[in-house]
Every structure is written in C-alpha cells, then in structure tokens.
Amino acid sequence: MYEIWLAMNIAWEIALTAWPWLVALALLAIVLWTVALQRAPRWRAGLGGTLVVGVLAAVATVLTLPMWSQSSLAELAYAPDWAALLGIAAGVAGVAMLLAWPLLAGLQRRQPE
C-alpha cells in the first residue's frame, strides 16, 4: 500500500511541475474530439488503428523509458519496479490513444447511406 501512495504522490508532484503542458494537452484533446465528433458521425471507425497506436506507444515506452532514466530493463528487480514501468507505459498509451482516435476517425472515408 505504501508504494501505491508514494507513486501517487510522485505523480502529483510531477504534474504540478508540468501543469502548463498538461493543460495544453487537455485543450488539444478537447479540440480534436470536438472537431471529430462534429465531422465524423462514425467516430468508432478509427478504433482499430487507435488500439494499434496505443500498443505501439506502450511497447516503445517500456523499451525506452529505462534508457532515458539511465537504467535498463535488467535493473527492474522487483514487482513495484515493473508495476511503475507498466503504469507509465499504460498512461503514455492512453494519451496517445486519446489524441490518435479523433484523428484516425477523421481519416475514415464516409460510407454512402
């Protein structure tokens, strides 16, 4: 339980230092989703491509994040290390999917009704 609380506190402190970027990201997502929902009535059409983007983002994060922190996958010795890495990868994948879905839905061709 302590590790979960510690991770939440660390995430909060990082968010406090990066809040302008987080606000900009949220505004970008709102604009993309607003435009996509107005233009593409079949917004679910981009779901398959969005899942691919999410998986690729998660895999890329798992493979590159330890290197960016001057570590390696071999240094992940116990479960909380892996949980933190996989949690970060899931967050990155979620953000990638949040931004990719309206773009991919907008690229789908309209079907004649």
PDB file of N, CA and C in Angstrom:
ATOM      1  N   MET A   1       0.822  -1.194   0.000  1.00  0.00           N
ATOM      2  CA  MET A   1       0.000   0.000   0.000  1.00  0.00           C
ATOM      3  C   MET A   1       0.867   1.260   0.000  1.00  0.00           C
ATOM      4  N   TYR A   2       1.985   1.191   0.703  1.00  0.00           N
ATOM      5  CA  TYR A   2       2.869   2.350   0.766  1.00  0.00           C
ATOM      6  C   TYR A   2       3.369   2.723  -0.616  1.00  0.00           C
ATOM      7  N   GLU A   3       3.713   1.725  -1.453  1.00  0.00           N
ATOM      8  CA  GLU A   3       4.238   2.014  -2.783  1.00  0.00           C
ATOM      9  C   GLU A   3       3.204   2.719  -3.653  1.00  0.00           C
ATOM     10  N   ILE A   4       1.944   2.336  -3.488  1.00  0.00           N
ATOM     11  CA  ILE A   4       0.878   2.977  -4.270  1.00  0.00           C
ATOM     12  C   ILE A   4       0.754   4.444  -3.861  1.00  0.00           C
ATOM     13  N   TRP A   5       0.728   4.698  -2.557  1.00  0.00           N
ATOM     14  CA  TRP A   5       0.631   6.069  -2.068  1.00  0.00           C
ATOM     15  C   TRP A   5       1.834   6.895  -2.513  1.00  0.00           C
ATOM     16  N   LEU A   6       3.015   6.315  -2.435  1.00  0.00           N
ATOM     17  CA  LEU A   6       4.222   7.008  -2.860  1.00  0.00           C
ATOM     18  C   LEU A   6       4.161   7.331  -4.351  1.00  0.00           C
ATOM     19  N   ALA A   7       3.726   6.376  -5.159  1.00  0.00           N
ATOM     20  CA  ALA A   7       3.611   6.603  -6.601  1.00  0.00           C
ATOM     21  C   ALA A   7       2.608   7.709  -6.905  1.00  0.00           C
ATOM     22  N   MET A   8       1.495   7.735  -6.179  1.00  0.00           N
ATOM     23  CA  MET A   8       0.508   8.794  -6.392  1.00  0.00           C
ATOM     24  C   MET A   8       1.072  10.163  -6.014  1.00  0.00           C
ATOM     25  N   ASN A   9       1.827  10.230  -4.928  1.00  0.00           N
ATOM     26  CA  ASN A   9       2.445  11.496  -4.533  1.00  0.00           C
ATOM     27  C   ASN A   9       3.482  11.954  -5.548  1.00  0.00           C
ATOM     28  N   ILE A  10       4.262  11.040  -6.049  1.00  0.00           N
ATOM     29  CA  ILE A  10       5.265  11.389  -7.059  1.00  0.00           C
ATOM     30  C   ILE A  10       4.585  11.883  -8.332  1.00  0.00           C
ATOM     31  N   ALA A  11       3.530  11.181  -8.751  1.00  0.00           N
ATOM     32  CA  ALA A  11       2.797  11.606  -9.947  1.00  0.00           C
ATOM     33  C   ALA A  11       2.199  12.999  -9.755  1.00  0.00           C
ATOM     34  N   TRP A  12       1.679  13.273  -8.564  1.00  0.00           N
ATOM     35  CA  TRP A  12       1.108  14.588  -8.285  1.00  0.00           C
ATOM     36  C   TRP A  12       2.176  15.674  -8.336  1.00  0.00           C
ATOM     37  N   GLU A  13       3.333  15.419  -7.757  1.00  0.00           N
ATOM     38  CA  GLU A  13       4.411  16.408  -7.764  1.00  0.00           C
ATOM     39  C   GLU A  13       4.916  16.670  -9.180  1.00  0.00           C
ATOM     40  N   ILE A  14       5.008  15.632  -9.982  1.00  0.00           N
ATOM     41  CA  ILE A  14       5.418  15.814 -11.376  1.00  0.00           C
ATOM     42  C   ILE A  14       4.362  16.611 -12.133  1.00  0.00           C
ATOM     43  N   ALA A  15       3.087  16.306 -11.879  1.00  0.00           N
ATOM     44  CA  ALA A  15       2.004  17.042 -12.539  1.00  0.00           C
ATOM     45  C   ALA A  15       2.029  18.519 -12.157  1.00  0.00           C
ATOM     46  N   LEU A  16       2.370  18.812 -10.917  1.00  0.00           N
ATOM     47  CA  LEU A  16       2.448  20.220 -10.501  1.00  0.00           C
ATOM     48  C   LEU A  16       3.540  20.979 -11.249  1.00  0.00           C
ATOM     49  N   THR A  17       4.636  20.303 -11.549  1.00  0.00           N
ATOM     50  CA  THR A  17       5.710  20.982 -12.274  1.00  0.00           C
ATOM     51  C   THR A  17       5.420  21.080 -13.765  1.00  0.00           C
ATOM     52  N   ALA A  18       4.558  20.220 -14.274  1.00  0.00           N
ATOM     53  CA  ALA A  18       4.283  20.195 -15.708  1.00  0.00           C
ATOM     54  C   ALA A  18       2.859  20.660 -16.036  1.00  0.00           C
ATOM     55  N   TRP A  19       2.204  21.366 -15.131  1.00  0.00           N
ATOM     56  CA  TRP A  19       0.801  21.694 -15.350  1.00  0.00           C
ATOM     57  C   TRP A  19       0.522  22.500 -16.618  1.00  0.00           C
ATOM     58  N   PRO A  20       1.386  23.428 -17.054  1.00  0.00           N
ATOM     59  CA  PRO A  20       1.051  24.119 -18.307  1.00  0.00           C
ATOM     60  C   PRO A  20       0.981  23.158 -19.501  1.00  0.00           C
ATOM     61  N   TRP A  21       1.888  22.178 -19.527  1.00  0.00           N
ATOM     62  CA  TRP A  21       1.863  21.200 -20.611  1.00  0.00           C
ATOM     63  C   TRP A  21       0.623  20.311 -20.513  1.00  0.00           C
ATOM     64  N   LEU A  22       0.232  19.969 -19.323  1.00  0.00           N
ATOM     65  CA  LEU A  22      -0.957  19.131 -19.139  1.00  0.00           C
ATOM     66  C   LEU A  22      -2.227  19.874 -19.550  1.00  0.00           C
ATOM     67  N   VAL A  23      -2.295  21.166 -19.233  1.00  0.00           N
ATOM     68  CA  VAL A  23      -3.442  21.972 -19.650  1.00  0.00           C
ATOM     69  C   VAL A  23      -3.483  22.085 -21.176  1.00  0.00           C
ATOM     70  N   ALA A  24      -2.327  22.316 -21.798  1.00  0.00           N
ATOM     71  CA  ALA A  24      -2.266  22.393 -23.260  1.00  0.00           C
ATOM     72  C   ALA A  24      -2.682  21.066 -23.892  1.00  0.00           C
ATOM     73  N   LEU A  25      -2.228  19.963 -23.313  1.00  0.00           N
ATOM     74  CA  LEU A  25      -2.605  18.641 -23.823  1.00  0.00           C
ATOM     75  C   LEU A  25      -4.105  18.410 -23.689  1.00  0.00           C
ATOM     76  N   ALA A  26      -4.672  18.807 -22.569  1.00  0.00           N
ATOM     77  CA  ALA A  26      -6.118  18.647 -22.369  1.00  0.00           C
ATOM     78  C   ALA A  26      -6.902  19.502 -23.356  1.00  0.00           C
ATOM     79  N   LEU A  27      -6.458  20.723 -23.586  1.00  0.00           N
ATOM     80  CA  LEU A  27      -7.146  21.590 -24.561  1.00  0.00           C
ATOM     81  C   LEU A  27      -7.038  21.026 -25.978  1.00  0.00           C
ATOM     82  N   LEU A  28      -5.860  20.493 -26.329  1.00  0.00           N
ATOM     83  CA  LEU A  28      -5.697  19.873 -27.639  1.00  0.00           C
ATOM     84  C   LEU A  28      -6.643  18.688 -27.792  1.00  0.00           C
ATOM     85  N   ALA A  29      -6.753  17.867 -26.776  1.00  0.00           N
ATOM     86  CA  ALA A  29      -7.659  16.713 -26.835  1.00  0.00           C
ATOM     87  C   ALA A  29      -9.105  17.164 -26.971  1.00  0.00           C
ATOM     88  N   ILE A  30      -9.493  18.194 -26.240  1.00  0.00           N
ATOM     89  CA  ILE A  30     -10.866  18.700 -26.336  1.00  0.00           C
ATOM     90  C   ILE A  30     -11.155  19.215 -27.739  1.00  0.00           C
ATOM     91  N   VAL A  31     -10.215  19.963 -28.310  1.00  0.00           N
ATOM     92  CA  VAL A  31     -10.413  20.485 -29.672  1.00  0.00           C
ATOM     93  C   VAL A  31     -10.501  19.340 -30.680  1.00  0.00           C
ATOM     94  N   LEU A  32      -9.594  18.378 -30.602  1.00  0.00           N
ATOM     95  CA  LEU A  32      -9.621  17.248 -31.542  1.00  0.00           C
ATOM     96  C   LEU A  32     -10.922  16.474 -31.445  1.00  0.00           C
ATOM     97  N   TRP A  33     -11.353  16.188 -30.224  1.00  0.00           N
ATOM     98  CA  TRP A  33     -12.587  15.425 -30.052  1.00  0.00           C
ATOM     99  C   TRP A  33     -13.805  16.217 -30.497  1.00  0.00           C
ATOM    100  N   THR A  34     -13.822  17.521 -30.245  1.00  0.00           N
ATOM    101  CA  THR A  34     -14.956  18.341 -30.673  1.00  0.00           C
ATOM    102  C   THR A  34     -15.070  18.352 -32.190  1.00  0.00           C
ATOM    103  N   VAL A  35     -13.957  18.570 -32.866  1.00  0.00           N
ATOM    104  CA  VAL A  35     -13.959  18.585 -34.332  1.00  0.00           C
ATOM    105  C   VAL A  35     -14.322  17.208 -34.883  1.00  0.00           C
ATOM    106  N   ALA A  36     -13.760  16.166 -34.307  1.00  0.00           N
ATOM    107  CA  ALA A  36     -14.022  14.813 -34.799  1.00  0.00           C
ATOM    108  C   ALA A  36     -15.488  14.432 -34.627  1.00  0.00           C
ATOM    109  N   LEU A  37     -16.079  14.771 -33.518  1.00  0.00           N
ATOM    110  CA  LEU A  37     -17.483  14.403 -33.295  1.00  0.00           C
ATOM    111  C   LEU A  37     -18.425  15.206 -34.181  1.00  0.00           C
ATOM    112  N   GLN A  38     -18.021  16.406 -34.592  1.00  0.00           N
ATOM    113  CA  GLN A  38     -18.855  17.191 -35.495  1.00  0.00           C
ATOM    114  C   GLN A  38     -18.725  16.715 -36.940  1.00  0.00           C
ATOM    115  N   ARG A  39     -17.531  16.301 -37.328  1.00  0.00           N
ATOM    116  CA  ARG A  39     -17.286  15.938 -38.735  1.00  0.00           C
ATOM    117  C   ARG A  39     -17.511  14.468 -39.039  1.00  0.00           C
ATOM    118  N   ALA A  40     -17.217  13.617 -38.103  1.00  0.00           N
ATOM    119  CA  ALA A  40     -17.252  12.180 -38.374  1.00  0.00           C
ATOM    120  C   ALA A  40     -18.331  11.519 -37.525  1.00  0.00           C
ATOM    121  N   PRO A  41     -19.511  11.316 -38.104  1.00  0.00           N
ATOM    122  CA  PRO A  41     -20.554  10.667 -37.319  1.00  0.00           C
ATOM    123  C   PRO A  41     -20.197   9.215 -36.972  1.00  0.00           C
ATOM    124  N   ARG A  42     -19.323   8.615 -37.751  1.00  0.00           N
ATOM    125  CA  ARG A  42     -18.892   7.243 -37.481  1.00  0.00           C
ATOM    126  C   ARG A  42     -17.531   7.270 -36.799  1.00  0.00           C
ATOM    127  N   TRP A  43     -17.431   7.905 -35.659  1.00  0.00           N
ATOM    128  CA  TRP A  43     -16.158   8.073 -34.991  1.00  0.00           C
ATOM    129  C   TRP A  43     -15.588   6.761 -34.493  1.00  0.00           C
ATOM    130  N   ARG A  44     -16.402   5.715 -34.375  1.00  0.00           N
ATOM    131  CA  ARG A  44     -15.894   4.409 -33.937  1.00  0.00           C
ATOM    132  C   ARG A  44     -15.046   3.743 -35.011  1.00  0.00           C
ATOM    133  N   ALA A  45     -15.076   4.260 -36.216  1.00  0.00           N
ATOM    134  CA  ALA A  45     -14.327   3.650 -37.311  1.00  0.00           C
ATOM    135  C   ALA A  45     -12.822   3.669 -37.077  1.00  0.00           C
ATOM    136  N   GLY A  46     -12.321   4.590 -36.320  1.00  0.00           N
ATOM    137  CA  GLY A  46     -10.894   4.686 -36.081  1.00  0.00           C
ATOM    138  C   GLY A  46     -10.403   3.863 -34.899  1.00  0.00           C
ATOM    139  N   LEU A  47     -11.270   3.052 -34.300  1.00  0.00           N
ATOM    140  CA  LEU A  47     -10.899   2.328 -33.090  1.00  0.00           C
ATOM    141  C   LEU A  47      -9.775   1.317 -33.313  1.00  0.00           C
ATOM    142  N   GLY A  48      -9.801   0.580 -34.411  1.00  0.00           N
ATOM    143  CA  GLY A  48      -8.760  -0.418 -34.675  1.00  0.00           C
ATOM    144  C   GLY A  48      -7.381   0.201 -34.769  1.00  0.00           C
ATOM    145  N   GLY A  49      -7.268   1.266 -35.524  1.00  0.00           N
ATOM    146  CA  GLY A  49      -5.989   1.960 -35.654  1.00  0.00           C
ATOM    147  C   GLY A  49      -5.549   2.588 -34.340  1.00  0.00           C
ATOM    148  N   THR A  50      -6.514   3.038 -33.563  1.00  0.00           N
ATOM    149  CA  THR A  50      -6.205   3.630 -32.266  1.00  0.00           C
ATOM    150  C   THR A  50      -5.606   2.603 -31.320  1.00  0.00           C
ATOM    151  N   LEU A  51      -6.133   1.390 -31.329  1.00  0.00           N
ATOM    152  CA  LEU A  51      -5.576   0.332 -30.490  1.00  0.00           C
ATOM    153  C   LEU A  51      -4.144  -0.003 -30.901  1.00  0.00           C
ATOM    154  N   VAL A  52      -3.880   0.002 -32.198  1.00  0.00           N
ATOM    155  CA  VAL A  52      -2.517  -0.243 -32.680  1.00  0.00           C
ATOM    156  C   VAL A  52      -1.574   0.862 -32.195  1.00  0.00           C
ATOM    157  N   VAL A  53      -2.018   2.105 -32.286  1.00  0.00           N
ATOM    158  CA  VAL A  53      -1.213   3.231 -31.801  1.00  0.00           C
ATOM    159  C   VAL A  53      -0.932   3.078 -30.310  1.00  0.00           C
ATOM    160  N   GLY A  54      -1.932   2.682 -29.539  1.00  0.00           N
ATOM    161  CA  GLY A  54      -1.758   2.504 -28.105  1.00  0.00           C
ATOM    162  C   GLY A  54      -0.760   1.408 -27.767  1.00  0.00           C
ATOM    163  N   VAL A  55      -0.854   0.282 -28.455  1.00  0.00           N
ATOM    164  CA  VAL A  55       0.083  -0.818 -28.207  1.00  0.00           C
ATOM    165  C   VAL A  55       1.501  -0.403 -28.574  1.00  0.00           C
ATOM    166  N   LEU A  56       1.654   0.253 -29.720  1.00  0.00           N
ATOM    167  CA  LEU A  56       2.988   0.706 -30.132  1.00  0.00           C
ATOM    168  C   LEU A  56       3.567   1.717 -29.152  1.00  0.00           C
ATOM    169  N   ALA A  57       2.738   2.623 -28.658  1.00  0.00           N
ATOM    170  CA  ALA A  57       3.217   3.614 -27.695  1.00  0.00           C
ATOM    171  C   ALA A  57       3.627   2.940 -26.390  1.00  0.00           C
ATOM    172  N   ALA A  58       2.861   1.954 -25.942  1.00  0.00           N
ATOM    173  CA  ALA A  58       3.196   1.256 -24.697  1.00  0.00           C
ATOM    174  C   ALA A  58       4.496   0.472 -24.835  1.00  0.00           C
ATOM    175  N   VAL A  59       4.656  -0.237 -25.942  1.00  0.00           N
ATOM    176  CA  VAL A  59       5.880  -1.016 -26.156  1.00  0.00           C
ATOM    177  C   VAL A  59       7.090  -0.087 -26.260  1.00  0.00           C
ATOM    178  N   ALA A  60       6.933   0.995 -26.997  1.00  0.00           N
ATOM    179  CA  ALA A  60       8.046   1.946 -27.125  1.00  0.00           C
ATOM    180  C   ALA A  60       8.411   2.542 -25.770  1.00  0.00           C
ATOM    181  N   THR A  61       7.433   2.813 -24.948  1.00  0.00           N
ATOM    182  CA  THR A  61       7.704   3.367 -23.620  1.00  0.00           C
ATOM    183  C   THR A  61       8.435   2.356 -22.746  1.00  0.00           C
ATOM    184  N   VAL A  62       7.981   1.108 -22.751  1.00  0.00           N
ATOM    185  CA  VAL A  62       8.637   0.077 -21.933  1.00  0.00           C
ATOM    186  C   VAL A  62      10.093  -0.099 -22.368  1.00  0.00           C
ATOM    187  N   LEU A  63      10.345  -0.018 -23.649  1.00  0.00           N
ATOM    188  CA  LEU A  63      11.704  -0.244 -24.139  1.00  0.00           C
ATOM    189  C   LEU A  63      12.621   0.963 -23.980  1.00  0.00           C
ATOM    190  N   THR A  64      12.069   2.169 -24.005  1.00  0.00           N
ATOM    191  CA  THR A  64      12.933   3.356 -23.990  1.00  0.00           C
ATOM    192  C   THR A  64      12.997   4.081 -22.650  1.00  0.00           C
ATOM    193  N   LEU A  65      11.970   3.979 -21.826  1.00  0.00           N
ATOM    194  CA  LEU A  65      11.969   4.731 -20.572  1.00  0.00           C
ATOM    195  C   LEU A  65      13.129   4.371 -19.643  1.00  0.00           C
ATOM    196  N   PRO A  66      13.458   3.098 -19.458  1.00  0.00           N
ATOM    197  CA  PRO A  66      14.621   2.813 -18.605  1.00  0.00           C
ATOM    198  C   PRO A  66      15.915   3.445 -19.136  1.00  0.00           C
ATOM    199  N   MET A  67      16.074   3.461 -20.447  1.00  0.00           N
ATOM    200  CA  MET A  67      17.269   4.058 -21.035  1.00  0.00           C
ATOM    201  C   MET A  67      17.303   5.570 -20.765  1.00  0.00           C
ATOM    202  N   TRP A  68      16.161   6.228 -20.871  1.00  0.00           N
ATOM    203  CA  TRP A  68      16.105   7.666 -20.623  1.00  0.00           C
ATOM    204  C   TRP A  68      16.440   8.003 -19.177  1.00  0.00           C
ATOM    205  N   SER A  69      16.155   7.077 -18.277  1.00  0.00           N
ATOM    206  CA  SER A  69      16.459   7.320 -16.864  1.00  0.00           C
ATOM    207  C   SER A  69      17.822   6.745 -16.479  1.00  0.00           C
ATOM    208  N   GLN A  70      18.639   6.470 -17.474  1.00  0.00           N
ATOM    209  CA  GLN A  70      19.991   5.930 -17.296  1.00  0.00           C
ATOM    210  C   GLN A  70      19.979   4.623 -16.513  1.00  0.00           C
ATOM    211  N   SER A  71      19.062   3.747 -16.907  1.00  0.00           N
ATOM    212  CA  SER A  71      18.941   2.435 -16.299  1.00  0.00           C
ATOM    213  C   SER A  71      18.761   1.426 -17.421  1.00  0.00           C
ATOM    214  N   SER A  72      18.262   0.254 -17.097  1.00  0.00           N
ATOM    215  CA  SER A  72      17.967  -0.748 -18.115  1.00  0.00           C
ATOM    216  C   SER A  72      16.864  -1.667 -17.599  1.00  0.00           C
ATOM    217  N   LEU A  73      16.310  -2.454 -18.492  1.00  0.00           N
ATOM    218  CA  LEU A  73      15.284  -3.411 -18.083  1.00  0.00           C
ATOM    219  C   LEU A  73      15.846  -4.439 -17.103  1.00  0.00           C
ATOM    220  N   ALA A  74      17.138  -4.716 -17.180  1.00  0.00           N
ATOM    221  CA  ALA A  74      17.759  -5.682 -16.279  1.00  0.00           C
ATOM    222  C   ALA A  74      17.779  -5.179 -14.836  1.00  0.00           C
ATOM    223  N   GLU A  75      17.663  -3.875 -14.637  1.00  0.00           N
ATOM    224  CA  GLU A  75      17.689  -3.308 -13.291  1.00  0.00           C
ATOM    225  C   GLU A  75      16.339  -3.399 -12.584  1.00  0.00           C
ATOM    226  N   LEU A  76      15.299  -3.792 -13.299  1.00  0.00           N
ATOM    227  CA  LEU A  76      13.977  -3.908 -12.682  1.00  0.00           C
ATOM    228  C   LEU A  76      13.939  -5.201 -11.874  1.00  0.00           C
ATOM    229  N   ALA A  77      14.176  -5.092 -10.584  1.00  0.00           N
ATOM    230  CA  ALA A  77      14.409  -6.263  -9.754  1.00  0.00           C
ATOM    231  C   ALA A  77      13.149  -6.808  -9.083  1.00  0.00           C
ATOM    232  N   TYR A  78      12.187  -5.962  -8.777  1.00  0.00           N
ATOM    233  CA  TYR A  78      11.034  -6.493  -8.059  1.00  0.00           C
ATOM    234  C   TYR A  78       9.744  -5.878  -8.587  1.00  0.00           C
ATOM    235  N   ALA A  79       8.624  -6.410  -8.130  1.00  0.00           N
ATOM    236  CA  ALA A  79       7.315  -6.117  -8.712  1.00  0.00           C
ATOM    237  C   ALA A  79       6.968  -4.625  -8.760  1.00  0.00           C
ATOM    238  N   PRO A  80       7.213  -3.828  -7.722  1.00  0.00           N
ATOM    239  CA  PRO A  80       6.861  -2.406  -7.841  1.00  0.00           C
ATOM    240  C   PRO A  80       7.608  -1.678  -8.959  1.00  0.00           C
ATOM    241  N   ASP A  81       8.839  -2.114  -9.259  1.00  0.00           N
ATOM    242  CA  ASP A  81       9.554  -1.515 -10.395  1.00  0.00           C
ATOM    243  C   ASP A  81       8.803  -1.772 -11.697  1.00  0.00           C
ATOM    244  N   TRP A  82       8.422  -3.024 -11.895  1.00  0.00           N
ATOM    245  CA  TRP A  82       7.689  -3.391 -13.098  1.00  0.00           C
ATOM    246  C   TRP A  82       6.321  -2.720 -13.123  1.00  0.00           C
ATOM    247  N   ALA A  83       5.671  -2.650 -11.975  1.00  0.00           N
ATOM    248  CA  ALA A  83       4.352  -2.008 -11.916  1.00  0.00           C
ATOM    249  C   ALA A  83       4.454  -0.527 -12.292  1.00  0.00           C
ATOM    250  N   ALA A  84       5.488   0.135 -11.812  1.00  0.00           N
ATOM    251  CA  ALA A  84       5.671   1.547 -12.160  1.00  0.00           C
ATOM    252  C   ALA A  84       5.919   1.713 -13.652  1.00  0.00           C
ATOM    253  N   LEU A  85       6.791   0.883 -14.205  1.00  0.00           N
ATOM    254  CA  LEU A  85       7.091   0.979 -15.635  1.00  0.00           C
ATOM    255  C   LEU A  85       5.853   0.690 -16.477  1.00  0.00           C
ATOM    256  N   LEU A  86       5.129  -0.368 -16.137  1.00  0.00           N
ATOM    257  CA  LEU A  86       3.930  -0.704 -16.898  1.00  0.00           C
ATOM    258  C   LEU A  86       2.822   0.335 -16.709  1.00  0.00           C
ATOM    259  N   GLY A  87       2.748   0.937 -15.522  1.00  0.00           N
ATOM    260  CA  GLY A  87       1.774   2.003 -15.297  1.00  0.00           C
ATOM    261  C   GLY A  87       2.078   3.240 -16.125  1.00  0.00           C
ATOM    262  N   ILE A  88       3.342   3.597 -16.192  1.00  0.00           N
ATOM    263  CA  ILE A  88       3.745   4.737 -17.021  1.00  0.00           C
ATOM    264  C   ILE A  88       3.468   4.436 -18.491  1.00  0.00           C
ATOM    265  N   ALA A  89       3.783   3.214 -18.920  1.00  0.00           N
ATOM    266  CA  ALA A  89       3.531   2.819 -20.313  1.00  0.00           C
ATOM    267  C   ALA A  89       2.038   2.863 -20.622  1.00  0.00           C
ATOM    268  N   ALA A  90       1.213   2.435 -19.680  1.00  0.00           N
ATOM    269  CA  ALA A  90      -0.241   2.484 -19.888  1.00  0.00           C
ATOM    270  C   ALA A  90      -0.720   3.934 -19.983  1.00  0.00           C
ATOM    271  N   GLY A  91      -0.150   4.814 -19.171  1.00  0.00           N
ATOM    272  CA  GLY A  91      -0.517   6.223 -19.247  1.00  0.00           C
ATOM    273  C   GLY A  91      -0.131   6.858 -20.569  1.00  0.00           C
ATOM    274  N   VAL A  92       1.065   6.552 -21.034  1.00  0.00           N
ATOM    275  CA  VAL A  92       1.513   7.079 -22.327  1.00  0.00           C
ATOM    276  C   VAL A  92       0.630   6.527 -23.452  1.00  0.00           C
ATOM    277  N   ALA A  93       0.312   5.242 -23.368  1.00  0.00           N
ATOM    278  CA  ALA A  93      -0.566   4.638 -24.382  1.00  0.00           C
ATOM    279  C   ALA A  93      -1.947   5.289 -24.355  1.00  0.00           C
ATOM    280  N   GLY A  94      -2.451   5.563 -23.171  1.00  0.00           N
ATOM    281  CA  GLY A  94      -3.758   6.218 -23.058  1.00  0.00           C
ATOM    282  C   GLY A  94      -3.774   7.603 -23.679  1.00  0.00           C
ATOM    283  N   VAL A  95      -2.734   8.366 -23.438  1.00  0.00           N
ATOM    284  CA  VAL A  95      -2.653   9.709 -24.025  1.00  0.00           C
ATOM    285  C   VAL A  95      -2.515   9.618 -25.544  1.00  0.00           C
ATOM    286  N   ALA A  96      -1.685   8.683 -26.010  1.00  0.00           N
ATOM    287  CA  ALA A  96      -1.526   8.502 -27.461  1.00  0.00           C
ATOM    288  C   ALA A  96      -2.858   8.125 -28.102  1.00  0.00           C
ATOM    289  N   MET A  97      -3.595   7.248 -27.446  1.00  0.00           N
ATOM    290  CA  MET A  97      -4.892   6.839 -27.986  1.00  0.00           C
ATOM    291  C   MET A  97      -5.909   7.978 -27.931  1.00  0.00           C
ATOM    292  N   LEU A  98      -5.868   8.760 -26.862  1.00  0.00           N
ATOM    293  CA  LEU A  98      -6.780   9.891 -26.716  1.00  0.00           C
ATOM    294  C   LEU A  98      -6.601  10.889 -27.859  1.00  0.00           C
ATOM    295  N   LEU A  99      -5.358  11.083 -28.286  1.00  0.00           N
ATOM    296  CA  LEU A  99      -5.087  12.031 -29.370  1.00  0.00           C
ATOM    297  C   LEU A  99      -5.230  11.394 -30.750  1.00  0.00           C
ATOM    298  N   ALA A 100      -4.953  10.091 -30.858  1.00  0.00           N
ATOM    299  CA  ALA A 100      -4.991   9.436 -32.165  1.00  0.00           C
ATOM    300  C   ALA A 100      -6.406   9.102 -32.617  1.00  0.00           C
ATOM    301  N   TRP A 101      -7.278   8.770 -31.695  1.00  0.00           N
ATOM    302  CA  TRP A 101      -8.616   8.319 -32.082  1.00  0.00           C
ATOM    303  C   TRP A 101      -9.378   9.351 -32.917  1.00  0.00           C
ATOM    304  N   PRO A 102      -9.479  10.611 -32.500  1.00  0.00           N
ATOM    305  CA  PRO A 102     -10.219  11.549 -33.356  1.00  0.00           C
ATOM    306  C   PRO A 102      -9.534  11.785 -34.695  1.00  0.00           C
ATOM    307  N   LEU A 103      -8.204  11.735 -34.720  1.00  0.00           N
ATOM    308  CA  LEU A 103      -7.503  11.918 -35.994  1.00  0.00           C
ATOM    309  C   LEU A 103      -7.763  10.747 -36.935  1.00  0.00           C
ATOM    310  N   LEU A 104      -7.689   9.539 -36.420  1.00  0.00           N
ATOM    311  CA  LEU A 104      -7.928   8.364 -37.257  1.00  0.00           C
ATOM    312  C   LEU A 104      -9.389   8.251 -37.666  1.00  0.00           C
ATOM    313  N   ALA A 105     -10.304   8.637 -36.799  1.00  0.00           N
ATOM    314  CA  ALA A 105     -11.721   8.622 -37.162  1.00  0.00           C
ATOM    315  C   ALA A 105     -11.994   9.637 -38.266  1.00  0.00           C
ATOM    316  N   GLY A 106     -11.305  10.766 -38.233  1.00  0.00           N
ATOM    317  CA  GLY A 106     -11.479  11.780 -39.270  1.00  0.00           C
ATOM    318  C   GLY A 106     -10.922  11.358 -40.615  1.00  0.00           C
ATOM    319  N   LEU A 107      -9.967  10.425 -40.623  1.00  0.00           N
ATOM    320  CA  LEU A 107      -9.386   9.959 -41.874  1.00  0.00           C
ATOM    321  C   LEU A 107     -10.221   8.879 -42.557  1.00  0.00           C
ATOM    322  N   GLN A 108     -11.183   8.314 -41.835  1.00  0.00           N
ATOM    323  CA  GLN A 108     -12.010   7.260 -42.417  1.00  0.00           C
ATOM    324  C   GLN A 108     -12.911   7.845 -43.495  1.00  0.00           C
ATOM    325  N   ARG A 109     -13.080   7.083 -44.553  1.00  0.00           N
ATOM    326  CA  ARG A 109     -13.967   7.537 -45.638  1.00  0.00           C
ATOM    327  C   ARG A 109     -15.407   7.389 -45.198  1.00  0.00           C
ATOM    328  N   ARG A 110     -16.193   8.335 -45.620  1.00  0.00           N
ATOM    329  CA  ARG A 110     -17.627   8.271 -45.299  1.00  0.00           C
ATOM    330  C   ARG A 110     -18.294   7.227 -46.181  1.00  0.00           C
ATOM    331  N   GLN A 111     -19.116   6.429 -45.564  1.00  0.00           N
ATOM    332  CA  GLN A 111     -19.881   5.412 -46.297  1.00  0.00           C
ATOM    333  C   GLN A 111     -21.171   6.050 -46.790  1.00  0.00           C
ATOM    334  N   PRO A 112     -21.555   5.766 -48.042  1.00  0.00           N
ATOM    335  CA  PRO A 112     -22.844   6.299 -48.520  1.00  0.00           C
ATOM    336  C   PRO A 112     -23.973   5.660 -47.738  1.00  0.00           C
ATOM    337  N   GLU A 113     -24.939   6.486 -47.381  1.00  0.00           N
ATOM    338  CA  GLU A 113     -26.068   5.997 -46.569  1.00  0.00           C
ATOM    339  C   GLU A 113     -27.200   5.509 -47.408  1.00  0.00           C
TER     340      GLU A 113
END
